[in-house]
Amino acid sequence: MSSDKKTEQKPPLEETASDMEPASISETESEEHSESRKQSYKPLIFLFFITLLTAGYVFSPQQLKSDLLDSLNAFLQAEKEVTFKTPEPTTPPAAGSVPQTTRLEAAIEIEQPEPPQIVTASSDEVNRMLDAMAELQNELKSVRQEQQTIQETHLSLQKMHLRTRLHWITNRANHLPQLKLAWEEIALMPSFSRSEHETAQKMLTLAQERLQEMRNWQQSLQSHADSLTTPEHKNIIPEYGVPWLSWIRDYFSIKAAPSTEQQQDEQLRQQLLNTSRNIELEQWPGGNSWQQLRATLQLRLTKASEGSTEAIDLGLPESFDPLKADIEQLRQTAATWLEELS
């Protein structure tokens, strides 16, 4: 009985297996049918797209036509690649093999650059850096202090030099040539303000102009004095061939006395030379004596050139008062500047 029951139970199992095989076949056929339907729709879609592109090409402007042609060529190329591409057989991955995606990810991970490493300094290194920075700041501060000290020393020396030159100008023992040199040195000092530099330059220009005028007057006085040179008279004792008589002749020289006119010319000559020396030392001739000297010189030159009709220019001033006033202005400006410094 047991054997009969076992034989009776086997057929149902065979029927179940046979029933499963048609079901799997039907599912496969349905999938192939749906795939074939999709493949049958592709030519229709392609024809519709071609029709649409043709209509757009006909009724579109020139620029759009070129764009449509490019799109059509791209679509045809894509369809050609899809149509003629042979599917590659897919093989299940073998046991222990690495999937392609995993290999690609690994390659990407390998090619990625390493992140920048953040260097951390210890507290000792930070303290050393801070100490070095503090030391540099102290050195920079000391350098600035030294520069400031040097600048202050330079300014003090320049101010002392300025006081020396201003005292030199106010000293009556110094005259116009020395005043001109002093103002020239003051005008070259660089630490002045704009107004101080203009004042120094103005005084320098005034001193140069007045010194040039004084030189021209001295040259005129010297020229007139040279024109009044008196002739030298010879000894009236005759010469002898005897030596002791020649010695007596030379020892007791007897010359003719100069005439009154020659004496006047010599006196006028000496007055002109003395005046030329005295005006440089600021020893000015008096107003009356200077006018008398000019008149005498004018009369003498007029008499010497009797045949000339041109007016004689002496090249001398009517008075020395303007020159004396300008020299006094040079000294007064220096005195005012000294008061401002003190």
Protein backbone atom coordinates (compact mmCIF):
# COMPACT_ATOMS: atom_id res chain seq x y z
CA MET A 1 0.00 0.00 0.00
CA SER A 2 2.75 2.36 0.77
CA SER A 3 4.35 1.80 -2.58
CA ASP A 4 1.04 2.50 -4.33
CA LYS A 5 0.62 5.74 -2.50
CA LYS A 6 4.08 6.86 -3.46
CA THR A 7 3.41 6.13 -7.11
CA GLU A 8 0.14 7.94 -6.99
CA GLN A 9 1.75 11.11 -5.55
CA LYS A 10 4.51 11.48 -8.25
CA PRO A 11 2.30 12.42 -11.25
CA PRO A 12 1.05 15.65 -9.71
CA LEU A 13 4.61 16.87 -9.32
CA GLU A 14 5.34 16.24 -12.97
CA GLU A 15 2.21 18.08 -13.98
CA THR A 16 3.26 21.08 -11.92
CA ALA A 17 6.63 21.28 -13.62
CA SER A 18 5.07 20.92 -17.00
CA ASP A 19 2.56 23.61 -16.20
CA MET A 20 5.35 26.07 -15.15
CA GLU A 21 7.24 25.68 -18.38
CA PRO A 22 4.41 27.01 -20.63
CA ALA A 23 3.92 29.94 -18.24
CA SER A 24 7.52 30.96 -18.54
CA ILE A 25 7.37 30.60 -22.32
CA SER A 26 4.26 32.78 -22.50
CA GLU A 27 5.94 35.53 -20.47
CA THR A 28 8.94 35.46 -22.76
CA GLU A 29 6.75 35.66 -25.82
CA SER A 30 4.85 38.62 -24.38
CA GLU A 31 8.11 40.47 -23.71
CA GLU A 32 9.34 39.76 -27.23
CA HIS A 33 6.00 40.92 -28.64
CA SER A 34 6.18 44.22 -26.74
CA GLU A 35 9.78 44.69 -27.87
CA SER A 36 8.79 44.05 -31.49
CA ARG A 37 5.97 46.56 -31.17
CA LYS A 38 8.43 49.17 -29.93
CA GLN A 39 10.71 48.41 -32.80
CA SER A 40 7.79 48.77 -35.27
CA TYR A 41 6.98 52.25 -33.88
CA LYS A 42 10.48 53.60 -34.55
CA PRO A 43 10.09 53.94 -38.35
CA LEU A 44 6.82 55.83 -37.85
CA ILE A 45 8.45 58.20 -35.39
CA PHE A 46 11.36 58.66 -37.74
CA LEU A 47 9.04 59.46 -40.69
CA PHE A 48 7.08 61.94 -38.57
CA PHE A 49 10.26 63.70 -37.49
CA ILE A 50 11.51 63.84 -41.11
CA THR A 51 8.18 65.34 -42.25
CA LEU A 52 8.29 67.91 -39.50
CA LEU A 53 11.83 68.91 -40.35
CA THR A 54 11.02 69.17 -44.08
CA ALA A 55 8.04 71.44 -43.41
CA GLY A 56 10.11 73.60 -41.07
CA TYR A 57 12.90 73.77 -43.61
CA VAL A 58 10.56 74.90 -46.40
CA PHE A 59 8.78 77.61 -44.41
CA SER A 60 11.71 78.85 -42.33
CA PRO A 61 14.30 81.60 -43.05
CA GLN A 62 17.82 80.90 -44.25
CA GLN A 63 19.49 80.88 -40.78
CA LEU A 64 16.88 78.49 -39.38
CA LYS A 65 17.26 76.23 -42.42
CA SER A 66 20.93 75.77 -41.70
CA ASP A 67 20.14 74.98 -38.07
CA LEU A 68 17.50 72.40 -39.13
CA LEU A 69 19.94 70.71 -41.50
CA ASP A 70 22.47 70.41 -38.70
CA SER A 71 19.83 68.91 -36.38
CA LEU A 72 18.74 66.44 -39.08
CA ASN A 73 22.30 65.29 -39.72
CA ALA A 74 22.83 64.78 -36.03
CA PHE A 75 19.58 62.76 -35.72
CA LEU A 76 20.46 60.55 -38.72
CA GLN A 77 23.88 59.89 -37.33
CA ALA A 78 22.38 58.88 -33.96
CA GLU A 79 19.84 56.58 -35.64
CA LYS A 80 22.57 54.98 -37.70
CA GLU A 81 24.62 54.24 -34.61
CA VAL A 82 21.57 52.79 -32.80
CA THR A 83 20.46 50.72 -35.80
CA PHE A 84 23.79 49.17 -36.73
CA LYS A 85 25.19 48.80 -33.25
CA THR A 86 25.54 45.12 -32.38
CA PRO A 87 24.68 44.38 -28.80
CA GLU A 88 27.53 42.99 -26.82
CA PRO A 89 26.84 39.73 -24.99
CA THR A 90 26.37 40.27 -21.34
CA THR A 91 28.12 37.74 -19.20
CA PRO A 92 27.43 37.43 -15.55
CA PRO A 93 30.32 38.54 -13.40
CA ALA A 94 32.51 35.75 -12.25
CA ALA A 95 32.91 34.97 -8.64
CA GLY A 96 35.48 37.21 -7.03
CA SER A 97 35.64 39.67 -9.98
CA VAL A 98 35.32 43.42 -9.42
CA PRO A 99 32.42 45.12 -11.27
CA GLN A 100 33.23 47.69 -13.94
CA THR A 101 31.53 50.47 -12.03
CA THR A 102 33.60 49.67 -8.97
CA ARG A 103 36.81 49.77 -11.03
CA LEU A 104 35.79 53.13 -12.54
CA GLU A 105 35.00 54.57 -9.14
CA ALA A 106 38.33 53.32 -7.86
CA ALA A 107 40.14 54.92 -10.81
CA ILE A 108 38.29 58.19 -10.19
CA GLU A 109 39.18 58.06 -6.55
CA ILE A 110 42.83 57.48 -7.43
CA GLU A 111 42.92 60.37 -9.95
CA GLN A 112 41.37 62.87 -7.53
CA PRO A 113 43.99 65.24 -6.03
CA GLU A 114 44.76 64.93 -2.41
CA PRO A 115 43.25 67.61 -0.21
CA PRO A 116 45.71 70.24 1.05
CA GLN A 117 47.30 69.31 4.29
CA ILE A 118 46.71 71.74 7.11
CA VAL A 119 49.96 72.31 8.94
CA THR A 120 49.44 72.89 12.59
CA ALA A 121 52.14 74.58 14.62
CA SER A 122 52.84 73.79 18.17
CA SER A 123 52.53 76.34 20.94
CA ASP A 124 56.33 76.65 21.18
CA GLU A 125 56.63 77.52 17.50
CA VAL A 126 53.83 80.08 17.81
CA ASN A 127 55.57 81.67 20.77
CA ARG A 128 58.85 81.83 18.87
CA MET A 129 57.13 83.50 15.92
CA LEU A 130 55.44 86.02 18.21
CA ASP A 131 58.76 86.78 19.90
CA ALA A 132 60.43 87.28 16.51
CA MET A 133 57.66 89.63 15.40
CA ALA A 134 57.93 91.60 18.64
CA GLU A 135 61.69 91.85 18.17
CA LEU A 136 61.27 93.13 14.61
CA GLN A 137 58.74 95.69 15.78
CA ASN A 138 61.14 96.90 18.45
CA GLU A 139 63.96 97.19 15.91
CA LEU A 140 61.69 99.12 13.54
CA LYS A 141 60.68 101.42 16.36
CA SER A 142 64.31 102.06 17.28
CA VAL A 143 65.19 102.80 13.64
CA ARG A 144 62.35 105.33 13.44
CA GLN A 145 63.52 106.95 16.65
CA GLU A 146 67.05 107.18 15.28
CA GLN A 147 65.74 108.74 12.07
CA GLN A 148 63.75 111.27 14.05
CA THR A 149 66.78 112.06 16.20
CA ILE A 150 68.95 112.55 13.13
CA GLN A 151 66.33 114.79 11.56
CA GLU A 152 66.03 116.88 14.71
CA THR A 153 69.81 117.16 14.94
CA HIS A 154 70.00 118.23 11.29
CA LEU A 155 67.32 120.87 11.84
CA SER A 156 69.05 122.19 14.94
CA LEU A 157 72.39 122.41 13.09
CA GLN A 158 70.73 124.17 10.20
CA LYS A 159 69.02 126.61 12.56
CA MET A 160 72.35 127.31 14.23
CA HIS A 161 73.93 127.88 10.83
CA LEU A 162 71.09 130.25 9.97
CA ARG A 163 71.62 132.24 13.18
CA THR A 164 75.34 132.51 12.40
CA ARG A 165 74.69 133.88 8.92
CA LEU A 166 72.05 136.32 10.16
CA HIS A 167 74.44 137.63 12.84
CA TRP A 168 77.04 137.99 10.11
CA ILE A 169 74.66 140.15 8.08
CA THR A 170 73.71 142.39 11.00
CA ASN A 171 77.37 142.96 11.89
CA ARG A 172 78.45 146.41 10.67
CA ALA A 173 81.98 145.19 10.13
CA ASN A 174 80.79 143.14 7.16
CA HIS A 175 79.95 144.94 3.96
CA LEU A 176 77.96 144.38 0.79
CA PRO A 177 80.12 141.59 -0.74
CA GLN A 178 79.93 139.63 2.52
CA LEU A 179 76.20 140.29 2.85
CA LYS A 180 75.62 138.91 -0.62
CA LEU A 181 77.48 135.67 0.22
CA ALA A 182 75.56 135.25 3.47
CA TRP A 183 72.15 135.66 1.80
CA GLU A 184 73.24 133.23 -0.91
CA GLU A 185 73.97 130.56 1.70
CA ILE A 186 70.67 131.23 3.47
CA ALA A 187 68.68 130.94 0.24
CA LEU A 188 70.14 127.46 -0.36
CA MET A 189 68.92 126.03 2.96
CA PRO A 190 66.21 123.39 2.26
CA SER A 191 64.20 123.45 5.51
CA PHE A 192 62.50 126.80 4.99
CA SER A 193 58.83 127.41 4.49
CA ARG A 194 57.64 128.96 1.26
CA SER A 195 57.48 132.49 2.67
CA GLU A 196 60.93 132.19 4.28
CA HIS A 197 62.44 130.90 1.05
CA GLU A 198 60.85 133.76 -0.90
CA THR A 199 62.24 136.30 1.60
CA ALA A 200 65.75 134.85 1.38
CA GLN A 201 65.62 134.77 -2.42
CA LYS A 202 64.37 138.38 -2.54
CA MET A 203 67.20 139.60 -0.30
CA LEU A 204 69.74 137.68 -2.35
CA THR A 205 68.50 139.26 -5.58
CA LEU A 206 68.66 142.74 -4.01
CA ALA A 207 72.21 142.17 -2.74
CA GLN A 208 73.37 140.90 -6.15
CA GLU A 209 71.90 143.89 -7.99
CA ARG A 210 73.36 146.46 -5.59
CA LEU A 211 76.77 144.80 -5.59
CA GLN A 212 76.83 144.85 -9.38
CA GLU A 213 75.96 148.56 -9.39
CA MET A 214 78.71 149.30 -6.90
CA ARG A 215 81.22 147.37 -9.03
CA ASN A 216 80.22 149.37 -12.08
CA TRP A 217 80.70 152.67 -10.18
CA GLN A 218 84.10 151.58 -8.91
CA GLN A 219 85.13 150.68 -12.45
CA SER A 220 84.01 154.11 -13.70
CA LEU A 221 85.94 155.90 -10.94
CA GLN A 222 89.06 153.87 -11.74
CA SER A 223 88.74 154.61 -15.44
CA HIS A 224 88.42 158.36 -14.86
CA ALA A 225 91.37 158.31 -12.48
CA ASP A 226 93.55 156.58 -15.07
CA SER A 227 92.70 159.25 -17.64
CA LEU A 228 94.05 161.97 -15.30
CA THR A 229 97.61 160.61 -14.97
CA THR A 230 100.10 163.52 -14.85
CA PRO A 231 103.23 163.32 -17.04
CA GLU A 232 106.58 162.63 -15.36
CA HIS A 233 109.18 165.47 -15.60
CA LYS A 234 112.83 164.77 -16.32
CA ASN A 235 115.79 165.83 -14.17
CA ILE A 236 117.09 169.26 -15.24
CA ILE A 237 120.75 168.47 -14.21
CA PRO A 238 122.68 167.26 -17.25
CA GLU A 239 124.36 163.87 -17.28
CA TYR A 240 128.17 163.55 -16.83
CA GLY A 241 130.57 160.83 -17.84
CA VAL A 242 132.33 160.93 -14.48
CA PRO A 243 130.91 158.33 -12.13
CA TRP A 244 130.99 160.43 -8.94
CA LEU A 245 129.27 163.29 -10.73
CA SER A 246 126.56 160.94 -11.98
CA TRP A 247 126.00 159.78 -8.40
CA ILE A 248 125.63 163.40 -7.25
CA ARG A 249 123.22 164.11 -10.10
CA ASP A 250 121.02 161.18 -9.22
CA TYR A 251 121.11 161.97 -5.50
CA PHE A 252 120.23 165.63 -5.92
CA SER A 253 117.52 165.25 -8.55
CA ILE A 254 115.99 168.50 -9.62
CA LYS A 255 112.76 168.43 -11.62
CA ALA A 256 110.52 171.11 -12.90
CA ALA A 257 107.54 171.89 -10.67
CA PRO A 258 104.12 170.78 -12.05
CA SER A 259 101.74 173.41 -13.25
CA THR A 260 98.56 174.41 -11.42
CA GLU A 261 96.41 172.40 -13.81
CA GLN A 262 98.54 169.32 -13.34
CA GLN A 263 98.29 169.68 -9.58
CA GLN A 264 94.52 169.90 -9.84
CA ASP A 265 94.39 166.82 -12.04
CA GLU A 266 96.51 164.88 -9.56
CA GLN A 267 94.33 165.96 -6.70
CA LEU A 268 91.20 164.95 -8.61
CA ARG A 269 92.77 161.61 -9.46
CA GLN A 270 93.48 160.82 -5.81
CA GLN A 271 89.95 161.77 -4.81
CA LEU A 272 88.50 159.38 -7.39
CA LEU A 273 90.70 156.48 -6.24
CA ASN A 274 89.88 157.11 -2.58
CA THR A 275 86.16 157.23 -3.30
CA SER A 276 86.37 153.92 -5.18
CA ARG A 277 87.97 152.25 -2.16
CA ASN A 278 85.71 153.89 0.40
CA ILE A 279 82.33 152.98 -1.09
CA GLU A 280 83.17 149.27 -0.83
CA LEU A 281 83.86 149.82 2.88
CA GLU A 282 80.61 151.81 3.22
CA GLN A 283 82.54 155.01 3.88
CA TRP A 284 80.26 157.18 1.86
CA PRO A 285 81.29 160.64 0.70
CA GLY A 286 79.19 163.52 1.94
CA GLY A 287 76.49 164.94 -0.25
CA ASN A 288 78.21 168.27 -0.93
CA SER A 289 81.68 166.83 -1.40
CA TRP A 290 80.35 164.18 -3.80
CA GLN A 291 78.47 166.74 -5.88
CA GLN A 292 81.58 168.92 -6.01
CA LEU A 293 83.70 165.97 -7.08
CA ARG A 294 81.26 165.07 -9.86
CA ALA A 295 81.15 168.68 -11.07
CA THR A 296 84.94 168.91 -11.15
CA LEU A 297 85.22 165.66 -13.07
CA GLN A 298 82.52 166.76 -15.51
CA LEU A 299 84.31 170.06 -16.15
CA ARG A 300 87.65 168.33 -16.65
CA LEU A 301 86.26 165.81 -19.15
CA THR A 302 84.37 168.53 -21.02
CA LYS A 303 87.54 170.59 -21.34
CA ALA A 304 89.47 167.56 -22.60
CA SER A 305 86.93 166.94 -25.35
CA GLU A 306 86.27 170.46 -26.60
CA GLY A 307 85.62 169.39 -30.16
CA SER A 308 82.94 166.82 -29.17
CA THR A 309 79.25 167.77 -29.15
CA GLU A 310 78.05 164.61 -27.36
CA ALA A 311 77.05 164.70 -23.71
CA ILE A 312 79.56 163.04 -21.42
CA ASP A 313 78.18 160.23 -19.26
CA LEU A 314 80.20 159.86 -16.10
CA GLY A 315 78.66 156.48 -15.20
CA LEU A 316 78.31 157.61 -11.58
CA PRO A 317 75.18 158.06 -9.43
CA GLU A 318 73.82 161.42 -8.34
CA SER A 319 73.77 160.14 -4.76
CA PHE A 320 74.61 157.04 -2.77
CA ASP A 321 71.50 157.25 -0.64
CA PRO A 322 69.54 154.50 -2.55
CA LEU A 323 72.47 152.11 -2.17
CA LYS A 324 72.78 152.88 1.54
CA ALA A 325 69.03 152.29 2.02
CA ASP A 326 69.13 148.91 0.29
CA ILE A 327 72.10 147.76 2.38
CA GLU A 328 70.21 148.82 5.50
CA GLN A 329 67.20 146.80 4.33
CA LEU A 330 69.38 143.70 4.00
CA ARG A 331 70.53 144.10 7.61
CA GLN A 332 67.10 144.96 8.98
CA THR A 333 65.53 141.86 7.40
CA ALA A 334 68.21 139.68 8.99
CA ALA A 335 67.62 141.32 12.39
CA THR A 336 63.85 140.68 12.17
CA TRP A 337 64.48 137.04 11.27
CA LEU A 338 66.76 136.67 14.27
CA GLU A 339 64.06 137.98 16.59
CA GLU A 340 61.59 135.41 15.21
CA LEU A 341 64.07 132.56 15.83
CA SER A 342 64.70 133.60 19.42
